[in-house]
Protein backbone atom coordinates (compact mmCIF):
# COMPACT_ATOMS: atom_id res chain seq x y z
CA MET A 1 53.06 32.51 -44.15
CA GLY A 2 54.22 33.09 -47.70
CA SER A 3 57.57 34.58 -48.61
CA ARG A 4 55.96 37.89 -49.58
CA ALA A 5 54.23 38.14 -46.21
CA ARG A 6 57.50 37.32 -44.40
CA ARG A 7 59.28 40.08 -46.31
CA THR A 8 56.49 42.50 -45.37
CA VAL A 9 56.70 41.57 -41.69
CA ALA A 10 60.49 41.78 -41.77
CA ARG A 11 60.35 45.23 -43.40
CA SER A 12 57.67 46.47 -40.99
CA VAL A 13 59.89 45.71 -38.00
CA GLY A 14 63.02 47.09 -39.59
CA LEU A 15 64.74 43.83 -40.34
CA GLY A 16 66.41 42.71 -43.48
CA TYR A 17 64.66 39.79 -45.11
CA VAL A 18 65.89 36.43 -43.95
CA PRO A 19 64.19 33.46 -45.66
CA GLN A 20 62.37 30.99 -43.45
CA ASP A 21 64.04 27.59 -43.43
CA PRO A 22 61.27 24.98 -43.78
CA ALA A 23 63.23 22.55 -41.60
CA ARG A 24 63.01 24.88 -38.61
CA ARG A 25 60.43 24.04 -35.99
CA VAL A 26 59.95 27.54 -34.59
CA PRO A 27 58.74 30.39 -36.83
CA ARG A 28 60.97 33.45 -37.29
CA ARG A 29 58.59 35.67 -35.30
CA ALA A 30 58.89 33.34 -32.30
CA GLY A 31 62.67 33.62 -32.63
CA LEU A 32 62.45 37.39 -32.56
CA ARG A 33 60.26 37.19 -29.44
CA LEU A 34 62.82 34.88 -27.81
CA ALA A 35 65.40 37.67 -27.95
CA GLY A 36 63.11 39.94 -25.94
CA PHE A 37 62.38 37.22 -23.41
CA VAL A 38 66.07 36.50 -22.84
CA TYR A 39 66.85 40.20 -22.51
CA GLY A 40 63.87 40.84 -20.23
CA THR A 41 64.69 37.83 -18.05
CA ILE A 42 68.29 38.92 -17.55
CA ILE A 43 67.18 42.46 -16.76
CA VAL A 44 64.53 41.38 -14.27
CA LEU A 45 66.96 38.96 -12.59
CA ALA A 46 69.58 41.69 -12.25
CA VAL A 47 67.04 44.09 -10.77
CA ILE A 48 65.75 41.44 -8.38
CA VAL A 49 69.22 40.48 -7.15
CA GLU A 50 70.12 44.14 -6.69
CA GLY A 51 66.75 44.84 -5.07
CA ALA A 52 67.16 41.92 -2.69
CA PHE A 53 70.38 43.53 -1.42
CA GLU A 54 68.74 46.95 -1.08
CA HIS A 55 65.36 45.76 0.31
CA PRO A 56 65.87 42.24 1.71
CA PHE A 57 62.57 42.17 3.58
CA ASP A 58 60.40 44.10 1.13
CA PRO A 59 59.49 42.01 -1.91
CA GLY A 60 56.83 44.59 -2.83
CA GLU A 61 59.48 47.26 -3.33
CA VAL A 62 61.60 44.86 -5.38
CA ALA A 63 58.53 43.97 -7.50
CA GLU A 64 57.82 47.66 -8.17
CA VAL A 65 61.40 48.36 -9.20
CA ALA A 66 61.58 45.24 -11.42
CA ALA A 67 58.28 45.98 -13.15
CA ALA A 68 59.10 49.66 -13.62
CA THR A 69 62.58 48.89 -14.97
CA CYS A 70 61.27 46.42 -17.54
CA LEU A 71 58.50 48.82 -18.55
CA VAL A 72 60.94 51.72 -19.01
CA LEU A 73 63.34 49.55 -21.02
CA TRP A 74 60.45 48.30 -23.15
CA VAL A 75 59.40 51.89 -23.96
CA ALA A 76 63.02 52.77 -24.78
CA HIS A 77 63.32 49.75 -27.09
CA VAL A 78 60.02 50.49 -28.82
CA TYR A 79 60.97 54.12 -29.36
CA SER A 80 64.52 53.47 -30.56
CA HIS A 81 63.60 50.55 -32.83
CA ALA A 82 60.65 52.42 -34.33
CA LEU A 83 62.85 55.44 -35.06
CA ALA A 84 65.54 53.21 -36.57
CA THR A 85 62.95 51.43 -38.72
CA SER A 86 61.54 54.74 -39.89
CA VAL A 87 64.97 56.05 -40.88
CA ALA A 88 66.12 52.76 -42.43
CA GLN A 89 63.00 52.50 -44.56
CA GLU A 90 62.89 56.22 -45.31
CA ARG A 91 59.25 56.34 -44.17
CA HIS A 92 57.41 58.46 -41.68
CA LEU A 93 56.92 56.85 -38.31
CA SER A 94 53.37 55.50 -38.40
CA ARG A 95 51.13 54.18 -35.67
CA ARG A 96 51.20 50.79 -37.36
CA MET A 97 55.00 50.73 -37.31
CA LEU A 98 55.00 51.79 -33.67
CA TRP A 99 52.37 49.18 -32.76
CA THR A 100 54.23 46.41 -34.61
CA THR A 101 57.44 47.34 -32.82
CA ALA A 102 55.65 47.49 -29.47
CA ARG A 103 54.28 43.97 -29.96
CA LEU A 104 57.66 42.68 -31.09
CA GLU A 105 59.38 44.12 -28.01
CA ALA A 106 56.60 43.05 -25.58
CA PRO A 107 58.55 40.00 -24.32
CA ILE A 108 60.83 42.39 -22.41
CA VAL A 109 57.86 43.16 -20.16
CA GLU A 110 56.33 39.68 -20.39
CA ALA A 111 59.55 38.14 -19.05
CA ALA A 112 59.12 40.10 -15.82
CA MET A 113 55.54 39.01 -15.16
CA LEU A 114 56.05 35.65 -13.44
CA PRO A 115 58.96 36.79 -11.22
CA VAL A 116 57.01 39.92 -10.26
CA VAL A 117 53.92 37.83 -9.40
CA VAL A 118 56.07 35.72 -7.06
CA LEU A 119 57.34 38.90 -5.40
CA VAL A 120 53.81 40.25 -5.04
CA LEU A 121 52.81 37.00 -3.31
CA GLY A 122 55.57 37.75 -0.80
CA ALA A 123 54.51 41.37 -0.48
CA ILE A 124 50.90 40.50 0.38
CA GLY A 125 51.96 37.81 2.86
CA LEU A 126 51.03 34.65 0.97
CA LEU A 127 54.73 33.73 0.95
CA PRO A 128 57.40 34.69 3.46
CA ALA A 129 59.36 37.69 2.15
CA GLU A 130 62.74 35.95 1.98
CA LEU A 131 61.24 32.84 0.37
CA SER A 132 59.54 34.96 -2.29
CA LEU A 133 62.89 36.55 -3.21
CA TRP A 134 64.62 33.16 -3.49
CA LEU A 135 61.67 31.63 -5.32
CA CYS A 136 61.64 34.58 -7.69
CA LEU A 137 65.31 34.01 -8.48
CA GLY A 138 64.57 30.32 -9.08
CA VAL A 139 61.69 31.23 -11.40
CA GLY A 140 63.99 33.55 -13.36
CA LEU A 141 66.58 30.82 -13.75
CA ALA A 142 63.87 28.36 -14.80
CA ILE A 143 62.77 30.86 -17.44
CA LEU A 144 66.36 30.98 -18.74
CA VAL A 145 66.26 27.18 -18.99
CA VAL A 146 63.01 27.28 -20.97
CA GLU A 147 64.45 29.94 -23.25
CA GLY A 148 67.55 27.81 -23.85
CA VAL A 149 65.37 24.80 -24.66
CA ALA A 150 63.29 26.91 -27.06
CA PHE A 151 66.45 27.98 -28.87
CA ALA A 152 67.79 24.42 -28.99
CA ARG A 153 64.50 23.18 -30.45
CA ALA A 154 64.43 25.96 -33.01
CA GLU A 155 67.91 24.95 -34.10
CA ALA A 156 66.99 21.23 -33.99
CA LEU A 157 70.00 20.50 -31.78
CA GLY A 158 70.80 17.11 -30.32
CA ARG A 159 70.67 16.40 -26.58
CA LEU A 160 74.27 17.25 -25.82
CA ALA A 161 74.21 20.48 -27.82
CA SER A 162 70.84 21.37 -26.26
CA PHE A 163 72.29 20.83 -22.79
CA GLY A 164 75.23 23.05 -23.74
CA VAL A 165 72.92 25.81 -24.96
CA VAL A 166 70.80 25.67 -21.80
CA ALA A 167 73.90 25.67 -19.60
CA ALA A 168 75.38 28.58 -21.56
CA ASN A 169 72.10 30.50 -21.24
CA ILE A 170 72.09 30.05 -17.47
CA VAL A 171 75.79 30.83 -17.07
CA LEU A 172 75.61 33.90 -19.29
CA GLY A 173 72.52 35.09 -17.42
CA LEU A 174 74.22 34.63 -14.04
CA VAL A 175 77.41 36.32 -15.25
CA LEU A 176 75.46 39.32 -16.54
CA VAL A 177 73.43 39.53 -13.33
CA SER A 178 76.65 39.32 -11.28
CA LEU A 179 78.31 42.03 -13.36
CA LYS A 180 75.30 44.29 -12.93
CA VAL A 181 75.32 43.78 -9.15
CA PHE A 182 79.12 44.24 -9.01
CA VAL A 183 78.94 47.50 -10.98
CA ALA A 184 76.10 48.77 -8.78
CA HIS A 185 78.09 48.22 -5.59
């Protein structure tokens, strides 16, 4: 993608232009998607942990709440970012701008898919209910690991720094989930 195209994409999603560093392994757009995945993963984990306390033997209910929460937050992000882009660029809010923002924010919902599938497997009886809740939590933590690795690769970090980033991603995720559960109770 040429520099002009990158500026156009950056402007269309309401971002200031940041030049692409040729040494980076992951394109800027993938980096922007990573933010949504991390956010979505932490949200879905928090909802699942809270839901497991509220509905310990009903993974279907937890799946519904997790999916609905991520969907509502996705809509809120799309709406608020599209409005902010429109105001920042002094342009009318167009369908194209809205669609671009929706695609950019899609990882918030995508991050919930695998954990919700695991919960659905518990809800329909293919997995025991309690196992599906624990497995779902494990899947969410594994996703945080993958996200940390993706960041470390994008930054071309060494092994020790990569380990630190992955550990920080997991710890931060668990701290945020714990805070959410603590505040809810």
